[in-house]
Protein backbone atom coordinates (compact mmCIF):
# COMPACT_ATOMS: atom_id res chain seq x y z
CA MET A 1 0.00 0.00 0.00
CA ILE A 2 1.26 3.45 -0.88
CA THR A 3 1.58 5.64 2.20
CA LEU A 4 1.77 9.37 2.76
CA PRO A 5 4.54 11.07 4.76
CA LYS A 6 3.84 11.87 8.38
CA ASN A 7 1.84 15.09 8.95
CA THR A 8 0.55 15.27 5.39
CA ILE A 9 -2.57 17.45 5.32
CA VAL A 10 -5.17 15.21 3.68
CA PRO A 11 -8.18 16.82 1.93
CA ASN A 12 -11.64 15.92 3.20
CA HIS A 13 -13.14 15.97 -0.30
CA ILE A 14 -11.42 15.30 -3.60
CA ALA A 15 -13.07 15.45 -7.00
CA ILE A 16 -11.69 13.90 -10.16
CA ILE A 17 -12.35 14.90 -13.76
CA PRO A 18 -11.05 11.80 -15.57
CA ASP A 19 -10.07 13.11 -18.99
CA GLY A 20 -8.16 11.42 -21.81
CA ASN A 21 -9.52 7.87 -22.02
CA ARG A 22 -10.08 8.04 -25.76
CA ARG A 23 -6.82 9.87 -26.48
CA TRP A 24 -4.95 7.25 -24.45
CA ALA A 25 -6.48 4.48 -26.57
CA ARG A 26 -5.86 6.20 -29.90
CA SER A 27 -2.22 6.85 -28.95
CA LYS A 28 -1.81 3.10 -28.49
CA LYS A 29 -3.77 2.18 -31.63
CA LEU A 30 -6.59 0.67 -29.59
CA HIS A 31 -10.33 1.07 -29.90
CA THR A 32 -11.51 4.06 -27.86
CA LEU A 33 -13.74 1.77 -25.80
CA GLN A 34 -10.58 0.09 -24.51
CA GLY A 35 -9.55 3.50 -23.18
CA HIS A 36 -12.76 3.76 -21.17
CA LYS A 37 -12.22 0.25 -19.76
CA LYS A 38 -8.67 1.11 -18.73
CA GLY A 39 -9.91 4.37 -17.23
CA PHE A 40 -12.45 2.52 -15.08
CA GLU A 41 -9.71 0.24 -13.76
CA ALA A 42 -7.62 3.29 -12.88
CA ALA A 43 -10.61 4.90 -11.12
CA VAL A 44 -11.11 1.89 -8.87
CA LYS A 45 -7.46 1.86 -7.77
CA VAL A 46 -7.34 5.60 -7.14
CA CYS A 47 -10.60 5.62 -5.14
CA ARG A 48 -9.40 2.73 -2.97
CA THR A 49 -6.12 4.50 -2.30
CA ALA A 50 -7.94 7.69 -1.31
CA ARG A 51 -10.04 5.71 1.14
CA ASP A 52 -6.91 4.05 2.60
CA TRP A 53 -5.52 7.53 3.32
CA GLY A 54 -8.67 8.60 5.15
CA ILE A 55 -10.03 10.93 2.48
CA HIS A 56 -13.67 11.09 3.48
CA THR A 57 -15.38 12.07 0.21
CA VAL A 58 -14.40 11.19 -3.33
CA THR A 59 -16.37 12.50 -6.31
CA LEU A 60 -15.79 10.91 -9.71
CA TRP A 61 -17.26 12.57 -12.79
CA GLY A 62 -18.22 9.72 -15.06
CA PHE A 63 -20.56 11.40 -17.54
CA SER A 64 -21.55 15.03 -18.13
CA THR A 65 -24.83 16.52 -19.33
CA GLU A 66 -23.04 17.28 -22.61
CA ASN A 67 -21.68 13.77 -23.17
CA TRP A 68 -24.91 12.55 -24.80
CA ASP A 69 -23.46 13.78 -28.11
CA ARG A 70 -21.19 10.73 -28.21
CA SER A 71 -21.86 7.88 -30.66
CA GLY A 72 -24.55 5.32 -29.88
CA GLU A 73 -21.95 2.57 -29.60
CA GLU A 74 -19.90 4.51 -27.08
CA LEU A 75 -22.94 5.51 -25.02
CA LYS A 76 -24.14 1.92 -24.82
CA TYR A 77 -20.69 0.72 -23.77
CA LEU A 78 -20.29 3.44 -21.14
CA MET A 79 -23.66 2.70 -19.56
CA LYS A 80 -22.72 -0.98 -19.32
CA LEU A 81 -19.41 -0.03 -17.69
CA TYR A 82 -21.17 2.19 -15.13
CA SER A 83 -23.58 -0.63 -14.31
CA LYS A 84 -20.71 -3.05 -13.85
CA LEU A 85 -18.79 -0.56 -11.72
CA ILE A 86 -21.71 -0.15 -9.34
CA THR A 87 -22.37 -3.90 -9.18
CA ASP A 88 -18.69 -4.68 -8.50
CA PHE A 89 -18.20 -1.84 -6.01
CA LEU A 90 -21.40 -2.18 -3.96
CA GLN A 91 -20.27 -5.12 -1.80
CA GLU A 92 -16.89 -3.49 -1.20
CA ALA A 93 -18.65 -0.26 -0.27
CA LYS A 94 -20.79 -2.03 2.31
CA GLU A 95 -17.79 -3.80 3.80
CA ASN A 96 -15.90 -0.49 4.16
CA LYS A 97 -18.90 1.61 5.29
CA VAL A 98 -18.87 3.77 2.15
CA ARG A 99 -22.05 5.65 1.35
CA ILE A 100 -22.80 5.94 -2.36
CA TYR A 101 -24.47 9.02 -3.82
CA HIS A 102 -25.53 9.65 -7.40
CA LEU A 103 -24.98 13.24 -8.50
CA GLY A 104 -26.83 14.39 -11.61
CA ARG A 105 -30.07 13.95 -13.50
CA LYS A 106 -32.05 10.75 -13.14
CA ASP A 107 -34.56 11.19 -15.99
CA ARG A 108 -32.22 10.34 -18.91
CA LEU A 109 -30.20 7.41 -17.58
CA PRO A 110 -31.05 3.86 -18.77
CA GLU A 111 -33.57 2.18 -16.47
CA THR A 112 -31.21 -0.68 -15.57
CA LEU A 113 -28.45 1.70 -14.52
CA LEU A 114 -30.84 3.91 -12.59
CA ARG A 115 -32.15 0.88 -10.66
CA LYS A 116 -28.61 -0.08 -9.68
CA LEU A 117 -27.81 3.44 -8.57
CA THR A 118 -30.97 3.63 -6.49
CA LYS A 119 -30.22 0.23 -4.95
CA ALA A 120 -26.66 1.28 -4.11
CA GLU A 121 -27.85 4.53 -2.51
CA GLU A 122 -30.50 2.70 -0.48
CA GLU A 123 -28.23 -0.07 0.78
CA THR A 124 -25.46 2.31 1.88
CA LYS A 125 -27.53 5.20 3.22
CA LYS A 126 -26.72 4.46 6.87
CA PHE A 127 -22.94 4.66 6.41
CA LYS A 128 -21.01 7.76 7.50
CA LYS A 129 -17.36 6.72 7.42
CA PHE A 130 -16.78 7.51 3.73
CA ILE A 131 -18.71 8.94 0.78
CA MET A 132 -18.38 8.00 -2.88
CA ASN A 133 -20.12 10.43 -5.24
CA ILE A 134 -20.71 9.06 -8.74
CA ALA A 135 -21.54 11.96 -11.07
CA LEU A 136 -23.53 10.64 -14.05
CA ASP A 137 -25.41 12.96 -16.39
CA TYR A 138 -24.07 15.75 -14.21
CA GLY A 139 -23.46 19.41 -15.01
CA GLY A 140 -22.76 22.30 -12.64
CA HIS A 141 -25.30 24.60 -14.28
CA ASP A 142 -27.90 21.83 -14.33
CA ASP A 143 -27.31 21.14 -10.61
CA ILE A 144 -27.99 24.79 -9.77
CA ILE A 145 -31.02 25.07 -12.08
CA ARG A 146 -32.60 21.93 -10.62
CA ALA A 147 -32.01 23.29 -7.10
CA VAL A 148 -33.79 26.55 -7.98
CA GLN A 149 -36.66 24.65 -9.58
CA GLU A 150 -37.09 22.53 -6.44
CA MET A 151 -37.11 25.60 -4.19
CA ILE A 152 -39.82 27.17 -6.33
CA LYS A 153 -41.86 23.95 -6.17
CA ASP A 154 -41.50 23.95 -2.38
CA GLY A 155 -42.69 27.54 -2.25
CA VAL A 156 -39.53 28.86 -0.63
CA PRO A 157 -39.89 32.68 -0.41
CA ALA A 158 -37.07 34.80 -1.86
CA SER A 159 -36.34 36.29 1.55
CA LYS A 160 -35.50 32.83 2.91
CA ILE A 161 -33.00 31.90 0.23
CA ASP A 162 -29.42 32.05 1.51
CA LYS A 163 -26.30 29.90 1.25
CA LYS A 164 -27.46 27.42 3.87
CA MET A 165 -30.88 27.09 2.26
CA PHE A 166 -29.34 26.56 -1.19
CA GLU A 167 -27.08 23.79 0.17
CA ASN A 168 -30.23 21.84 1.06
CA TYR A 169 -31.25 21.59 -2.59
CA ILE A 170 -28.06 20.88 -4.56
CA ASP A 171 -26.97 17.29 -5.29
CA THR A 172 -24.50 17.13 -2.37
CA LYS A 173 -27.19 18.08 0.18
CA GLY A 174 -26.80 16.47 3.59
CA GLN A 175 -23.15 15.55 3.11
CA PRO A 176 -20.62 16.53 5.82
CA TYR A 177 -18.09 17.82 3.25
CA PRO A 178 -20.09 19.16 0.29
CA TYR A 179 -17.39 21.70 -0.57
CA ILE A 180 -14.40 20.34 -2.49
CA ASP A 181 -10.87 20.75 -1.20
CA LEU A 182 -9.02 19.45 -4.25
CA ILE A 183 -10.13 19.06 -7.88
CA MET A 184 -7.88 17.06 -10.19
CA ARG A 185 -8.16 16.95 -13.96
CA THR A 186 -6.05 14.66 -16.09
CA SER A 187 -4.83 14.71 -19.70
CA GLY A 188 -3.25 18.17 -19.47
CA GLU A 189 -6.60 19.96 -19.76
CA GLN A 190 -6.86 23.08 -17.60
CA ARG A 191 -10.56 23.83 -17.35
CA THR A 192 -13.37 22.71 -15.06
CA SER A 193 -16.11 22.30 -17.71
CA GLY A 194 -18.66 23.46 -15.15
CA PHE A 195 -18.01 20.63 -12.70
CA LEU A 196 -19.54 21.17 -9.23
CA LEU A 197 -19.66 24.94 -9.69
CA TRP A 198 -21.32 25.69 -6.37
CA GLN A 199 -19.27 23.16 -4.40
CA ALA A 200 -15.93 24.36 -5.81
CA GLU A 201 -16.06 27.76 -4.11
CA TYR A 202 -12.57 27.51 -2.56
CA ALA A 203 -11.32 24.34 -4.24
CA GLU A 204 -7.65 23.92 -5.02
CA TYR A 205 -6.85 22.69 -8.54
CA TYR A 206 -4.29 20.19 -9.74
CA TRP A 207 -3.63 19.58 -13.45
CA GLU A 208 -2.19 16.18 -14.34
CA LYS A 209 -0.45 15.91 -17.73
CA ASP A 210 -1.03 12.18 -18.28
CA HIS A 211 -4.29 10.69 -19.54
CA PHE A 212 -6.60 9.20 -16.94
CA PRO A 213 -5.81 5.51 -17.66
CA ASP A 214 -2.25 6.35 -16.52
CA PHE A 215 -3.42 8.17 -13.37
CA THR A 216 -1.99 5.85 -10.74
CA PRO A 217 -2.08 5.92 -6.93
CA GLU A 218 1.47 7.30 -7.13
CA LYS A 219 0.19 10.25 -9.15
CA LEU A 220 -2.63 10.74 -6.66
CA LYS A 221 0.03 10.88 -3.94
CA ALA A 222 1.87 13.63 -5.84
CA ALA A 223 -1.39 15.61 -6.09
CA VAL A 224 -2.21 15.21 -2.40
CA LEU A 225 1.32 16.20 -1.36
CA ASP A 226 1.11 19.27 -3.58
CA TYR A 227 -2.24 20.14 -1.97
CA SER A 228 -0.76 19.57 1.49
CA ARG A 229 1.88 22.24 0.88
CA ARG A 230 -0.55 24.96 -0.12
CA ARG A 231 -1.40 27.85 2.18
CA ARG A 232 -5.19 28.13 2.08
CA ARG A 233 -6.49 31.49 3.27
CA PHE A 234 -10.18 31.39 2.29
CA GLY A 235 -10.10 35.13 1.73
CA GLY A 236 -8.55 35.81 5.15
CA ASN A 237 -5.05 36.44 6.42
CA ASP A 238 -2.10 34.16 5.81
CA ALA A 239 -1.31 32.05 8.86
CA THR A 240 2.31 31.55 7.77
CA ALA A 241 5.02 33.85 9.09
CA HIS A 242 6.08 36.55 6.65
CA PHE A 243 9.69 36.97 5.58
CA THR A 244 11.54 40.27 5.61
CA PHE A 245 14.98 39.27 4.35
CA ASP A 246 16.92 41.50 1.97
CA PRO A 247 17.66 39.61 -1.31
CA LYS A 248 20.92 41.55 -1.84
CA ILE A 249 22.25 40.67 1.60
CA LEU A 250 21.39 36.98 1.20
CA THR A 251 22.97 36.91 -2.26
CA ARG A 252 26.20 38.36 -0.92
CA LEU A 253 26.27 36.02 2.07
CA GLU A 254 25.58 32.91 0.02
CA LEU A 255 27.99 33.82 -2.74
CA ASN A 256 30.80 34.56 -0.29
CA TRP A 257 29.92 31.36 1.54
CA SER A 258 30.35 29.47 -1.75
CA ARG A 259 33.68 31.14 -2.51
CA LEU A 260 34.88 30.92 1.13
CA GLY A 261 37.86 33.15 0.38
CA ASN A 262 35.57 36.15 0.19
CA ILE A 263 34.44 35.92 3.81
CA PRO A 264 35.64 39.17 5.40
CA GLU A 265 38.88 38.99 7.34
CA GLY A 266 38.36 38.47 11.05
CA VAL A 267 34.99 36.75 10.60
CA ASP A 268 35.00 33.03 11.29
CA PHE A 269 33.01 30.56 9.20
CA SER A 270 30.42 29.83 11.90
CA SER A 271 29.70 33.54 12.37
CA TYR A 272 29.14 33.89 8.66
CA ALA A 273 26.77 30.92 8.62
CA MET A 274 24.96 32.43 11.59
CA ALA A 275 24.49 35.72 9.73
CA HIS A 276 23.05 33.83 6.77
CA VAL A 277 20.32 31.92 8.63
CA LYS A 278 19.56 34.93 10.83
CA GLU A 279 18.85 37.08 7.76
CA GLN A 280 16.94 34.45 5.80
CA TYR A 281 14.61 33.18 8.52
CA GLY A 282 14.57 36.09 10.96
CA LEU A 283 15.99 34.00 13.81
CA SER A 284 17.26 35.44 17.07
CA LYS A 285 21.02 35.61 17.56
CA LYS A 286 20.94 32.66 19.98
CA LEU A 287 18.89 30.43 17.67
CA ALA A 288 20.91 31.50 14.63
CA LYS A 289 24.05 30.35 16.39
CA THR A 290 22.55 26.90 17.02
CA ALA A 291 21.23 26.73 13.44
CA ALA A 292 24.67 27.61 12.07
CA LYS A 293 26.17 24.77 14.06
CA TYR A 294 23.78 22.31 12.40
CA MET A 295 24.54 23.79 8.99
CA LEU A 296 28.30 23.41 9.45
CA HIS A 297 27.94 19.83 10.69
CA ALA A 298 25.87 19.00 7.60
CA VAL A 299 28.52 20.49 5.30
CA ARG A 300 31.36 18.58 6.99
CA TYR A 301 29.45 15.29 6.92
CA GLN A 302 28.55 15.87 3.29
CA GLU A 303 32.21 16.44 2.35
CA ALA A 304 33.06 13.18 4.14
CA LYS A 305 30.19 11.39 2.31
CA LYS A 306 28.57 10.58 5.65
CA TRP A 307 25.10 11.12 4.24
CA GLN A 308 23.03 9.82 7.15
CA LYS A 309 24.84 12.08 9.62
CA ALA A 310 24.44 14.99 7.22
CA LYS A 311 20.73 14.29 7.02
CA ALA A 312 20.45 14.15 10.82
CA SER A 313 22.08 17.59 11.10
CA LEU A 314 19.80 19.01 8.42
CA LYS A 315 16.78 17.54 10.18
CA SER A 316 17.83 19.24 13.43
CA LEU A 317 18.30 22.52 11.54
CA TYR A 318 14.85 22.41 9.96
CA LYS A 319 13.21 21.33 13.19
CA LEU A 320 14.60 24.48 14.84
CA ILE A 321 13.42 26.65 11.93
CA LYS A 322 9.97 25.07 11.96
CA GLU A 323 9.45 25.67 15.67
CA GLU A 324 10.68 29.26 15.58
CA VAL A 325 9.24 30.54 12.28
CA GLY A 326 5.96 28.62 12.37
CA LEU A 327 6.27 26.86 9.02
CA ALA A 328 4.23 23.68 8.57
CA PHE A 329 6.73 21.40 6.83
CA GLU A 330 7.95 18.03 8.06
CA PRO A 331 11.71 18.30 8.92
CA GLU A 332 12.34 14.69 7.85
CA ILE A 333 11.00 15.36 4.34
CA VAL A 334 12.82 18.68 3.92
CA ALA A 335 16.11 17.20 5.13
CA SER A 336 15.78 14.29 2.68
CA LEU A 337 15.06 16.66 -0.22
CA GLU A 338 17.97 18.95 0.65
CA LEU A 339 20.32 15.99 0.90
CA GLN A 340 19.11 14.80 -2.50
CA MET A 341 19.79 18.28 -3.93
CA ARG A 342 23.31 18.26 -2.52
CA LYS A 343 24.01 14.85 -4.02
CA GLU A 344 22.74 16.11 -7.39
CA GLY A 345 24.81 19.27 -7.22
CA GLY A 346 21.71 21.44 -6.98
CA VAL A 347 21.04 21.29 -10.74
CA VAL A 348 17.89 19.10 -10.92
CA GLU A 349 14.93 21.42 -11.20
CA GLU A 350 12.31 18.90 -10.06
CA THR A 351 14.10 18.33 -6.75
CA ALA A 352 14.56 22.07 -6.22
CA GLN A 353 10.84 22.59 -6.81
CA LYS A 354 9.87 19.93 -4.30
CA HIS A 355 12.27 21.30 -1.70
CA LEU A 356 11.06 24.89 -2.00
CA ALA A 357 7.40 23.86 -2.11
CA GLU A 358 7.84 21.79 1.03
CA VAL A 359 9.74 24.43 3.02
CA TYR A 360 7.54 27.40 2.17
CA ARG A 361 4.22 25.54 1.84
CA VAL A 362 3.30 26.54 -1.69
CA SER A 363 2.41 24.49 -4.77
CA LEU A 364 4.92 23.17 -7.29
CA PHE A 365 3.40 25.49 -9.86
CA GLN A 366 3.99 28.51 -7.64
CA VAL A 367 7.69 27.79 -7.15
CA ALA A 368 8.47 26.78 -10.74
CA LYS A 369 10.12 30.12 -11.59
CA VAL A 370 11.94 30.28 -8.25
CA ALA A 371 13.34 26.76 -8.66
CA HIS A 372 14.47 27.53 -12.20
CA LEU A 373 16.47 30.56 -11.02
CA ARG A 374 17.95 28.53 -8.15
CA VAL A 375 19.19 25.87 -10.55
CA LEU A 376 20.63 28.44 -12.97
CA ALA A 377 22.52 30.04 -10.10
CA ASN A 378 23.89 26.65 -9.02
CA ILE A 379 25.00 25.78 -12.56
CA GLU A 380 26.96 29.04 -12.91
CA ARG A 381 28.40 28.67 -9.40
CA ASN A 382 29.56 25.12 -10.19
CA LYS A 383 31.29 26.47 -13.31
CA GLY A 384 32.94 29.26 -11.34
CA ASN A 385 31.09 31.97 -13.26
CA TRP A 386 30.62 34.14 -10.19
CA ASP A 387 29.15 37.22 -11.89
CA LYS A 388 26.41 35.18 -13.55
CA ALA A 389 25.86 33.20 -10.39
CA GLU A 390 25.41 36.43 -8.44
CA ASP A 391 22.87 37.73 -10.96
CA TYR A 392 20.78 34.56 -10.91
CA LEU A 393 21.07 34.25 -7.13
CA ASN A 394 19.86 37.79 -6.58
CA ARG A 395 16.91 37.19 -8.94
CA TYR A 396 16.20 33.93 -7.11
CA TYR A 397 15.93 35.62 -3.70
CA ILE A 398 13.79 38.42 -5.17
CA ALA A 399 11.43 35.87 -6.76
CA LEU A 400 11.35 33.83 -3.54
CA LYS A 401 10.42 36.84 -1.45
CA GLU A 402 7.71 37.84 -3.93
CA ARG A 403 6.23 34.37 -3.67
CA ILE A 404 6.28 33.82 0.10
CA ALA A 405 6.19 37.29 1.70
């Protein structure tokens, strides 16, 4: 079973827009129906993994209100797949206390499929541990229109209509987590197509490049970890400490640190390291001194190829920073990523992205530019091109401050 790192912030409600089944099949010279079959297999694995991680609500968009334009052959095949999915999943759902909901219209689905959906909803209605929303013939506009129509039928006066009232009429009514924390769309498409418009008020989005048949539990893990790093404010203030470092000062300190010979005369190495962490993280003089000690130990162990000891020192360093600054990262993860960067010479952009995203609790997308500048600075530094390294390093710290301040 794939596990998440300790202290990962797991969303309560994830929603998946499984795009790319047909493109996946065509790229492999298969019939498009084979793509749908493979997509269903991927959906089952991903939903099971989400449940194993304690994600309470999973919503899977199987068929939209616009999908009726597909060919008759494809529609017939899809409806059979949905029926099979519900039949196969119902017993598992009952064993794991998963409540099944159907989101969407009920007047256009085949009678056999509708009976199975109704049966699944009825037989799982007492469960509260998990929720599985199956969105068939669903559209966000349609959901809202049907809700308004039902309120009119019930004679709800205009003065009584508010957010709470509206929640009682949309398809996710009565659910403990109707609002989505994380929406994922596969196949490189970056649009929502009207999915769960009301429920996506403050949803985070994650765009996966691969087609849905290739969306594995490992890729779900990457999405959840990226979500876990994000600083969600819901329109309010940022709970993370703000940074006031001066990019020029940090550039000079780091560059002189790299060149060693440029450390001012009369200043020992530990004092210089202390000045660096004090400026970057706003630590007190006492804590900066302790942090510098951990930094120097990590450098010495790294030079001696004693990687585990280097990691232990880095972990102690980041534990101190976490406790003082109030960042939400896991020191073990950050230390592992930094050690990986050091082994790689600091020139692998993917690792730099993960490290920055983990430390400063932002998404991989948000730190893409910052990581790119960091790597460029490291490349020039490794070549001994100090003027170029200084330029990139200064731009890196400016971009970093713009992103996290």
